[in-house]
N, C-alpha and C. Protein backbone atom coordinates (compact mmCIF):
# COMPACT_ATOMS: atom_id res chain seq x y z
N MET A 1 -20.74 -80.76 -22.26
CA MET A 1 -20.44 -80.46 -20.88
C MET A 1 -19.69 -79.14 -20.81
N SER A 2 -20.13 -78.27 -19.94
CA SER A 2 -19.52 -76.96 -19.80
C SER A 2 -18.34 -77.05 -18.83
N GLN A 3 -17.30 -76.38 -19.16
CA GLN A 3 -16.09 -76.40 -18.35
C GLN A 3 -16.12 -75.25 -17.36
N SER A 4 -15.65 -75.48 -16.13
CA SER A 4 -15.59 -74.39 -15.17
C SER A 4 -14.15 -73.95 -14.94
N TYR A 5 -14.06 -72.66 -14.64
CA TYR A 5 -12.76 -72.05 -14.47
C TYR A 5 -12.71 -71.27 -13.17
N ILE A 6 -11.51 -71.12 -12.66
CA ILE A 6 -11.27 -70.34 -11.46
C ILE A 6 -10.32 -69.20 -11.85
N ILE A 7 -10.74 -67.97 -11.59
CA ILE A 7 -9.89 -66.81 -11.85
C ILE A 7 -9.42 -66.28 -10.51
N GLN A 8 -8.10 -66.11 -10.40
CA GLN A 8 -7.56 -65.58 -9.15
C GLN A 8 -6.34 -64.72 -9.41
N GLU A 9 -6.15 -63.76 -8.52
CA GLU A 9 -4.95 -62.93 -8.59
C GLU A 9 -3.76 -63.81 -8.21
N THR A 10 -2.61 -63.52 -8.80
CA THR A 10 -1.43 -64.32 -8.52
C THR A 10 -0.21 -63.42 -8.37
N GLU A 11 0.78 -63.90 -7.67
CA GLU A 11 2.07 -63.22 -7.55
C GLU A 11 3.14 -63.97 -8.34
N GLN A 12 2.79 -65.14 -8.89
CA GLN A 12 3.76 -65.99 -9.59
C GLN A 12 3.74 -65.67 -11.08
N TYR A 13 4.78 -64.99 -11.53
CA TYR A 13 4.84 -64.55 -12.92
C TYR A 13 5.29 -65.66 -13.87
N TYR A 14 6.13 -66.57 -13.41
CA TYR A 14 6.73 -67.56 -14.30
C TYR A 14 5.70 -68.30 -15.18
N PRO A 15 4.65 -68.93 -14.62
CA PRO A 15 3.72 -69.64 -15.50
C PRO A 15 3.01 -68.73 -16.49
N LEU A 16 2.75 -67.50 -16.08
CA LEU A 16 2.13 -66.53 -16.99
C LEU A 16 3.08 -66.20 -18.13
N SER A 17 4.35 -65.98 -17.80
CA SER A 17 5.33 -65.64 -18.83
C SER A 17 5.48 -66.78 -19.84
N VAL A 18 5.37 -68.03 -19.38
CA VAL A 18 5.45 -69.18 -20.29
C VAL A 18 4.26 -69.14 -21.25
N LEU A 19 3.06 -68.88 -20.73
CA LEU A 19 1.86 -68.80 -21.58
C LEU A 19 1.98 -67.63 -22.56
N PHE A 20 2.39 -66.46 -22.08
CA PHE A 20 2.52 -65.30 -22.96
C PHE A 20 3.55 -65.56 -24.07
N HIS A 21 4.70 -66.08 -23.69
CA HIS A 21 5.74 -66.36 -24.68
C HIS A 21 5.26 -67.40 -25.70
N GLY A 22 4.60 -68.44 -25.22
CA GLY A 22 4.09 -69.49 -26.11
C GLY A 22 2.97 -69.01 -27.01
N SER A 23 2.36 -67.89 -26.66
CA SER A 23 1.28 -67.31 -27.47
C SER A 23 1.81 -66.32 -28.50
N GLY A 24 3.13 -66.22 -28.62
CA GLY A 24 3.72 -65.36 -29.65
C GLY A 24 4.05 -63.95 -29.20
N MET A 25 3.97 -63.70 -27.91
CA MET A 25 4.30 -62.36 -27.42
C MET A 25 5.81 -62.26 -27.20
N GLU A 26 6.32 -61.06 -27.32
CA GLU A 26 7.75 -60.82 -27.11
C GLU A 26 8.00 -60.72 -25.61
N ILE A 27 7.73 -61.80 -24.90
CA ILE A 27 7.87 -61.86 -23.45
C ILE A 27 8.99 -62.83 -23.12
N GLU A 28 9.89 -62.41 -22.26
CA GLU A 28 10.94 -63.31 -21.78
C GLU A 28 10.33 -64.21 -20.71
N VAL A 29 10.60 -65.50 -20.79
CA VAL A 29 10.17 -66.41 -19.73
C VAL A 29 11.03 -66.10 -18.51
N SER A 30 10.36 -65.78 -17.40
CA SER A 30 11.08 -65.29 -16.23
C SER A 30 10.25 -65.44 -14.97
N ASP A 31 10.93 -65.50 -13.84
CA ASP A 31 10.26 -65.46 -12.54
C ASP A 31 9.89 -64.03 -12.15
N THR A 32 10.58 -63.07 -12.74
CA THR A 32 10.42 -61.67 -12.36
C THR A 32 9.52 -60.93 -13.33
N PRO A 33 8.43 -60.36 -12.84
CA PRO A 33 7.55 -59.59 -13.72
C PRO A 33 8.25 -58.35 -14.24
N PRO A 34 7.82 -57.85 -15.41
CA PRO A 34 8.43 -56.64 -15.94
C PRO A 34 8.15 -55.43 -15.05
N PHE A 35 8.98 -54.42 -15.21
CA PHE A 35 8.82 -53.16 -14.48
C PHE A 35 7.43 -52.59 -14.75
N GLY A 36 6.79 -52.08 -13.74
CA GLY A 36 5.48 -51.46 -13.89
C GLY A 36 4.31 -52.40 -13.67
N MET A 37 4.57 -53.63 -13.29
CA MET A 37 3.47 -54.58 -13.06
C MET A 37 2.66 -54.11 -11.85
N VAL A 38 1.34 -54.06 -12.03
CA VAL A 38 0.44 -53.67 -10.95
C VAL A 38 -0.21 -54.91 -10.36
N LYS A 39 -0.86 -55.71 -11.22
CA LYS A 39 -1.52 -56.94 -10.77
C LYS A 39 -1.52 -57.97 -11.89
N MET A 40 -1.61 -59.25 -11.48
CA MET A 40 -1.63 -60.36 -12.43
C MET A 40 -2.75 -61.33 -12.02
N TRP A 41 -3.41 -61.89 -13.04
CA TRP A 41 -4.46 -62.88 -12.79
C TRP A 41 -4.22 -64.10 -13.67
N ARG A 42 -4.67 -65.24 -13.16
CA ARG A 42 -4.63 -66.47 -13.93
C ARG A 42 -6.00 -67.12 -13.89
N MET A 43 -6.33 -67.79 -14.98
CA MET A 43 -7.56 -68.57 -15.06
C MET A 43 -7.13 -70.03 -15.18
N ASP A 44 -7.61 -70.85 -14.24
CA ASP A 44 -7.28 -72.26 -14.23
C ASP A 44 -8.51 -73.11 -14.48
N ASP A 45 -8.32 -74.24 -15.10
CA ASP A 45 -9.37 -75.24 -15.23
C ASP A 45 -9.70 -75.73 -13.82
N ALA A 46 -10.97 -75.69 -13.45
CA ALA A 46 -11.37 -76.03 -12.08
C ALA A 46 -11.06 -77.49 -11.73
N GLU A 47 -11.12 -78.38 -12.72
CA GLU A 47 -10.87 -79.80 -12.45
C GLU A 47 -9.39 -80.14 -12.43
N SER A 48 -8.67 -79.72 -13.45
CA SER A 48 -7.27 -80.14 -13.59
C SER A 48 -6.29 -79.17 -12.92
N GLY A 49 -6.71 -77.92 -12.71
CA GLY A 49 -5.81 -76.91 -12.17
C GLY A 49 -4.86 -76.33 -13.20
N GLU A 50 -5.01 -76.73 -14.47
CA GLU A 50 -4.13 -76.25 -15.53
C GLU A 50 -4.41 -74.79 -15.86
N LEU A 51 -3.35 -74.05 -16.14
CA LEU A 51 -3.45 -72.66 -16.54
C LEU A 51 -4.07 -72.58 -17.94
N ILE A 52 -5.15 -71.83 -18.07
CA ILE A 52 -5.88 -71.70 -19.34
C ILE A 52 -5.68 -70.31 -19.93
N SER A 53 -5.64 -69.28 -19.06
CA SER A 53 -5.56 -67.91 -19.53
C SER A 53 -4.90 -67.06 -18.45
N ALA A 54 -4.39 -65.90 -18.87
CA ALA A 54 -3.77 -64.98 -17.92
C ALA A 54 -3.88 -63.57 -18.46
N ALA A 55 -3.86 -62.61 -17.53
CA ALA A 55 -3.91 -61.19 -17.90
C ALA A 55 -3.16 -60.39 -16.85
N THR A 56 -2.66 -59.24 -17.28
CA THR A 56 -1.95 -58.36 -16.35
C THR A 56 -2.40 -56.92 -16.51
N LEU A 57 -2.29 -56.19 -15.43
CA LEU A 57 -2.50 -54.75 -15.40
C LEU A 57 -1.13 -54.15 -15.10
N GLN A 58 -0.69 -53.25 -15.99
CA GLN A 58 0.64 -52.67 -15.85
C GLN A 58 0.58 -51.16 -16.04
N ILE A 59 1.65 -50.51 -15.63
CA ILE A 59 1.86 -49.11 -15.97
C ILE A 59 3.03 -49.07 -16.94
N ARG A 60 2.78 -48.52 -18.12
CA ARG A 60 3.81 -48.34 -19.13
C ARG A 60 3.78 -46.88 -19.57
N ASP A 61 4.91 -46.27 -19.63
CA ASP A 61 5.03 -44.87 -20.03
C ASP A 61 4.04 -43.97 -19.28
N GLY A 62 3.82 -44.28 -18.01
CA GLY A 62 2.99 -43.44 -17.15
C GLY A 62 1.49 -43.64 -17.26
N VAL A 63 1.04 -44.63 -18.06
CA VAL A 63 -0.40 -44.88 -18.20
C VAL A 63 -0.69 -46.35 -17.84
N TYR A 64 -1.92 -46.58 -17.41
CA TYR A 64 -2.34 -47.95 -17.12
C TYR A 64 -2.60 -48.69 -18.43
N THR A 65 -2.15 -49.94 -18.47
CA THR A 65 -2.33 -50.75 -19.67
C THR A 65 -2.87 -52.12 -19.34
N LEU A 66 -3.62 -52.66 -20.30
CA LEU A 66 -3.88 -54.10 -20.29
C LEU A 66 -2.55 -54.67 -20.75
N GLY A 67 -1.71 -55.02 -19.79
CA GLY A 67 -0.32 -55.33 -20.09
C GLY A 67 -0.17 -56.49 -21.05
N ASP A 68 -0.58 -57.65 -20.64
CA ASP A 68 -0.53 -58.85 -21.48
C ASP A 68 -1.78 -59.66 -21.19
N ILE A 69 -2.25 -60.32 -22.22
CA ILE A 69 -3.40 -61.21 -22.07
C ILE A 69 -3.25 -62.34 -23.08
N ALA A 70 -3.52 -63.55 -22.62
CA ALA A 70 -3.41 -64.71 -23.52
C ALA A 70 -4.37 -65.79 -23.06
N VAL A 71 -4.85 -66.53 -24.03
CA VAL A 71 -5.68 -67.71 -23.78
C VAL A 71 -4.97 -68.87 -24.47
N ARG A 72 -4.85 -69.96 -23.76
CA ARG A 72 -4.20 -71.14 -24.35
C ARG A 72 -4.90 -71.51 -25.65
N GLU A 73 -4.12 -71.90 -26.65
CA GLU A 73 -4.64 -72.10 -28.00
C GLU A 73 -5.83 -73.06 -28.07
N ASP A 74 -5.81 -74.11 -27.28
CA ASP A 74 -6.90 -75.09 -27.33
C ASP A 74 -8.16 -74.61 -26.61
N HIS A 75 -8.15 -73.38 -26.09
CA HIS A 75 -9.33 -72.83 -25.41
C HIS A 75 -9.77 -71.50 -26.00
N ARG A 76 -9.25 -71.17 -27.17
CA ARG A 76 -9.66 -69.92 -27.81
C ARG A 76 -11.06 -70.07 -28.39
N SER A 77 -11.70 -68.96 -28.64
CA SER A 77 -13.08 -68.90 -29.16
C SER A 77 -14.10 -69.40 -28.15
N GLU A 78 -13.77 -69.32 -26.87
CA GLU A 78 -14.71 -69.68 -25.80
C GLU A 78 -15.12 -68.46 -24.98
N GLY A 79 -14.67 -67.27 -25.40
CA GLY A 79 -15.00 -66.05 -24.66
C GLY A 79 -14.16 -65.82 -23.42
N LEU A 80 -13.08 -66.59 -23.27
CA LEU A 80 -12.27 -66.47 -22.05
C LEU A 80 -11.44 -65.19 -22.03
N GLY A 81 -11.01 -64.72 -23.19
CA GLY A 81 -10.28 -63.46 -23.25
C GLY A 81 -11.14 -62.30 -22.77
N LYS A 82 -12.41 -62.32 -23.17
CA LYS A 82 -13.33 -61.26 -22.71
C LYS A 82 -13.51 -61.33 -21.20
N ARG A 83 -13.59 -62.54 -20.66
CA ARG A 83 -13.74 -62.69 -19.20
C ARG A 83 -12.51 -62.14 -18.48
N MET A 84 -11.34 -62.41 -19.02
CA MET A 84 -10.12 -61.92 -18.38
C MET A 84 -10.01 -60.40 -18.50
N GLN A 85 -10.41 -59.85 -19.65
CA GLN A 85 -10.41 -58.39 -19.79
C GLN A 85 -11.32 -57.76 -18.75
N LYS A 86 -12.48 -58.35 -18.53
CA LYS A 86 -13.43 -57.81 -17.56
C LYS A 86 -12.81 -57.75 -16.16
N VAL A 87 -12.04 -58.77 -15.80
CA VAL A 87 -11.36 -58.76 -14.50
C VAL A 87 -10.42 -57.56 -14.40
N VAL A 88 -9.65 -57.33 -15.46
CA VAL A 88 -8.72 -56.20 -15.47
C VAL A 88 -9.49 -54.88 -15.45
N PHE A 89 -10.54 -54.77 -16.28
CA PHE A 89 -11.35 -53.54 -16.31
C PHE A 89 -11.94 -53.25 -14.94
N ASP A 90 -12.52 -54.26 -14.30
CA ASP A 90 -13.15 -54.06 -12.99
C ASP A 90 -12.14 -53.58 -11.95
N GLU A 91 -10.96 -54.18 -11.95
CA GLU A 91 -9.92 -53.76 -11.01
C GLU A 91 -9.48 -52.34 -11.30
N ALA A 92 -9.25 -52.02 -12.57
CA ALA A 92 -8.82 -50.67 -12.94
C ALA A 92 -9.87 -49.64 -12.51
N ARG A 93 -11.13 -49.93 -12.78
CA ARG A 93 -12.21 -49.01 -12.36
C ARG A 93 -12.20 -48.81 -10.85
N SER A 94 -12.01 -49.91 -10.10
CA SER A 94 -12.02 -49.80 -8.63
C SER A 94 -10.85 -48.95 -8.13
N MET A 95 -9.81 -48.82 -8.95
CA MET A 95 -8.65 -47.99 -8.61
C MET A 95 -8.82 -46.55 -9.09
N GLY A 96 -9.94 -46.26 -9.77
CA GLY A 96 -10.19 -44.92 -10.27
C GLY A 96 -9.59 -44.65 -11.65
N VAL A 97 -9.13 -45.69 -12.33
CA VAL A 97 -8.56 -45.53 -13.66
C VAL A 97 -9.69 -45.26 -14.65
N LYS A 98 -9.51 -44.27 -15.52
CA LYS A 98 -10.55 -43.87 -16.48
C LYS A 98 -10.33 -44.42 -17.87
N GLU A 99 -9.09 -44.84 -18.19
CA GLU A 99 -8.81 -45.41 -19.50
C GLU A 99 -7.66 -46.39 -19.38
N LEU A 100 -7.71 -47.41 -20.21
CA LEU A 100 -6.62 -48.37 -20.31
C LEU A 100 -6.06 -48.31 -21.71
N TRP A 101 -4.77 -48.45 -21.81
CA TRP A 101 -4.08 -48.50 -23.09
C TRP A 101 -3.62 -49.93 -23.34
N GLY A 102 -3.27 -50.21 -24.57
CA GLY A 102 -2.77 -51.53 -24.89
C GLY A 102 -2.07 -51.55 -26.22
N SER A 103 -1.51 -52.70 -26.52
CA SER A 103 -0.82 -52.95 -27.77
C SER A 103 -1.36 -54.28 -28.28
N ALA A 104 -1.80 -54.31 -29.54
CA ALA A 104 -2.49 -55.50 -30.05
C ALA A 104 -1.90 -55.98 -31.36
N LYS A 105 -1.46 -57.26 -31.36
CA LYS A 105 -1.00 -57.88 -32.60
C LYS A 105 -2.17 -58.24 -33.50
N VAL A 106 -3.33 -58.50 -32.89
CA VAL A 106 -4.54 -58.84 -33.64
C VAL A 106 -5.60 -57.79 -33.26
N PRO A 107 -5.45 -56.57 -33.78
CA PRO A 107 -6.29 -55.46 -33.29
C PRO A 107 -7.77 -55.61 -33.62
N ASP A 108 -8.14 -56.28 -34.70
CA ASP A 108 -9.57 -56.40 -35.04
C ASP A 108 -10.37 -57.03 -33.92
N TYR A 109 -9.80 -57.99 -33.22
CA TYR A 109 -10.47 -58.61 -32.07
C TYR A 109 -10.81 -57.54 -31.03
N TYR A 110 -9.85 -56.68 -30.74
CA TYR A 110 -10.06 -55.64 -29.73
C TYR A 110 -11.02 -54.57 -30.21
N TYR A 111 -10.96 -54.21 -31.49
CA TYR A 111 -11.90 -53.23 -32.03
C TYR A 111 -13.33 -53.72 -31.88
N ARG A 112 -13.55 -55.00 -32.10
CA ARG A 112 -14.91 -55.57 -31.94
C ARG A 112 -15.39 -55.48 -30.49
N LEU A 113 -14.46 -55.41 -29.55
CA LEU A 113 -14.81 -55.33 -28.13
C LEU A 113 -14.89 -53.88 -27.62
N GLY A 114 -14.74 -52.91 -28.53
CA GLY A 114 -14.90 -51.51 -28.15
C GLY A 114 -13.62 -50.73 -27.95
N TRP A 115 -12.46 -51.36 -28.12
CA TRP A 115 -11.20 -50.62 -28.04
C TRP A 115 -11.11 -49.68 -29.23
N LYS A 116 -10.43 -48.56 -29.05
CA LYS A 116 -10.25 -47.59 -30.13
C LYS A 116 -8.80 -47.64 -30.62
N LYS A 117 -8.63 -47.52 -31.93
CA LYS A 117 -7.30 -47.46 -32.52
C LYS A 117 -6.72 -46.08 -32.28
N MET A 118 -5.49 -46.04 -31.84
CA MET A 118 -4.83 -44.78 -31.54
C MET A 118 -3.61 -44.62 -32.44
N ASP A 119 -3.16 -43.39 -32.61
CA ASP A 119 -2.00 -43.10 -33.43
C ASP A 119 -0.72 -43.52 -32.69
N TRP A 120 0.11 -44.30 -33.36
CA TRP A 120 1.33 -44.82 -32.75
C TRP A 120 2.25 -43.69 -32.28
N ASP A 121 2.45 -42.68 -33.11
CA ASP A 121 3.44 -41.64 -32.81
C ASP A 121 3.02 -40.68 -31.70
N SER A 122 1.72 -40.41 -31.56
CA SER A 122 1.29 -39.43 -30.56
C SER A 122 0.75 -40.09 -29.28
N SER A 123 0.76 -41.40 -29.22
CA SER A 123 0.26 -42.13 -28.04
C SER A 123 1.39 -42.42 -27.06
N PRO A 124 1.04 -42.72 -25.82
CA PRO A 124 2.07 -43.18 -24.88
C PRO A 124 2.77 -44.40 -25.47
N LYS A 125 4.02 -44.59 -25.11
CA LYS A 125 4.83 -45.69 -25.66
C LYS A 125 4.51 -46.99 -24.90
N VAL A 126 3.37 -47.59 -25.24
CA VAL A 126 2.92 -48.81 -24.57
C VAL A 126 3.12 -50.05 -25.43
N GLY A 127 3.49 -49.86 -26.70
CA GLY A 127 3.63 -50.99 -27.61
C GLY A 127 5.08 -51.31 -27.89
N VAL A 128 5.27 -52.50 -28.43
CA VAL A 128 6.61 -52.97 -28.76
C VAL A 128 6.57 -53.48 -30.20
N ASN A 129 7.54 -53.06 -30.99
CA ASN A 129 7.68 -53.64 -32.34
C ASN A 129 8.32 -55.00 -32.21
N CYS A 130 7.75 -55.99 -32.81
CA CYS A 130 8.28 -57.35 -32.76
C CYS A 130 9.06 -57.60 -34.03
N HIS A 131 10.34 -57.33 -34.00
CA HIS A 131 11.14 -57.43 -35.22
C HIS A 131 11.49 -58.87 -35.57
N THR A 132 11.29 -59.80 -34.67
CA THR A 132 11.66 -61.19 -34.93
C THR A 132 10.46 -62.10 -34.73
N CYS A 133 9.34 -61.72 -35.28
CA CYS A 133 8.11 -62.47 -35.08
C CYS A 133 8.15 -63.78 -35.87
N THR A 134 8.57 -64.84 -35.23
CA THR A 134 8.70 -66.12 -35.92
C THR A 134 7.35 -66.70 -36.29
N ARG A 135 6.30 -66.37 -35.54
CA ARG A 135 4.97 -66.91 -35.84
C ARG A 135 4.42 -66.34 -37.14
N ARG A 136 4.71 -65.09 -37.42
CA ARG A 136 4.15 -64.44 -38.60
C ARG A 136 5.14 -64.36 -39.76
N GLY A 137 6.41 -64.67 -39.47
CA GLY A 137 7.41 -64.69 -40.52
C GLY A 137 7.75 -63.32 -41.09
N LYS A 138 7.45 -62.27 -40.36
CA LYS A 138 7.73 -60.91 -40.84
C LYS A 138 7.78 -59.99 -39.63
N SER A 139 8.17 -58.76 -39.89
CA SER A 139 8.14 -57.77 -38.81
C SER A 139 6.69 -57.51 -38.42
N CYS A 140 6.46 -57.34 -37.15
CA CYS A 140 5.09 -57.17 -36.65
C CYS A 140 5.01 -55.81 -35.97
N PHE A 141 4.05 -55.00 -36.36
CA PHE A 141 3.86 -53.68 -35.78
C PHE A 141 2.47 -53.61 -35.16
N PRO A 142 2.38 -53.96 -33.87
CA PRO A 142 1.07 -53.97 -33.22
C PRO A 142 0.41 -52.59 -33.23
N ALA A 143 -0.91 -52.59 -33.19
CA ALA A 143 -1.67 -51.35 -33.08
C ALA A 143 -1.66 -50.89 -31.63
N ILE A 144 -1.71 -49.59 -31.44
CA ILE A 144 -1.89 -49.01 -30.11
C ILE A 144 -3.39 -48.80 -29.94
N ILE A 145 -3.92 -49.28 -28.82
CA ILE A 145 -5.37 -49.23 -28.60
C ILE A 145 -5.65 -48.60 -27.23
N ARG A 146 -6.89 -48.08 -27.09
CA ARG A 146 -7.31 -47.47 -25.82
C ARG A 146 -8.77 -47.83 -25.57
N MET A 147 -9.06 -48.11 -24.31
CA MET A 147 -10.42 -48.40 -23.87
C MET A 147 -10.79 -47.38 -22.80
N ASP A 148 -11.87 -46.64 -23.03
CA ASP A 148 -12.39 -45.73 -22.00
C ASP A 148 -13.22 -46.54 -21.02
N LEU A 149 -12.90 -46.39 -19.75
CA LEU A 149 -13.61 -47.14 -18.73
C LEU A 149 -14.73 -46.30 -18.16
């Protein structure tokens, strides 16, 4: 049986921040979105209404970014991350944005989707070093990535 989902823009950051934080991102659980937030989307299970995935469009260091994106662990490998990226890409294009930047803890996934690896030192400061990455048990240095729209 195929599961259906509803994707909608949201103004409520708290549930998204819980999902992002629970997915290993250095995100504070909060009602208040971080500075530079442009738009936020959530994907809910059509039957239960449960939050399955979320994505944000942000401005960091003066450039548009795929701010945060996460899929609940029990729904990974279903192509939902790609669906959420498409929502962000479509919105960015409609705004006239020509490229999106990002920071990726698992960059190979993004490279397979067409993102390009960028140099950390010469790129806009869109990434965060995760010095206390409890999930990986070591310091985490995400890759800086860019997608031409």
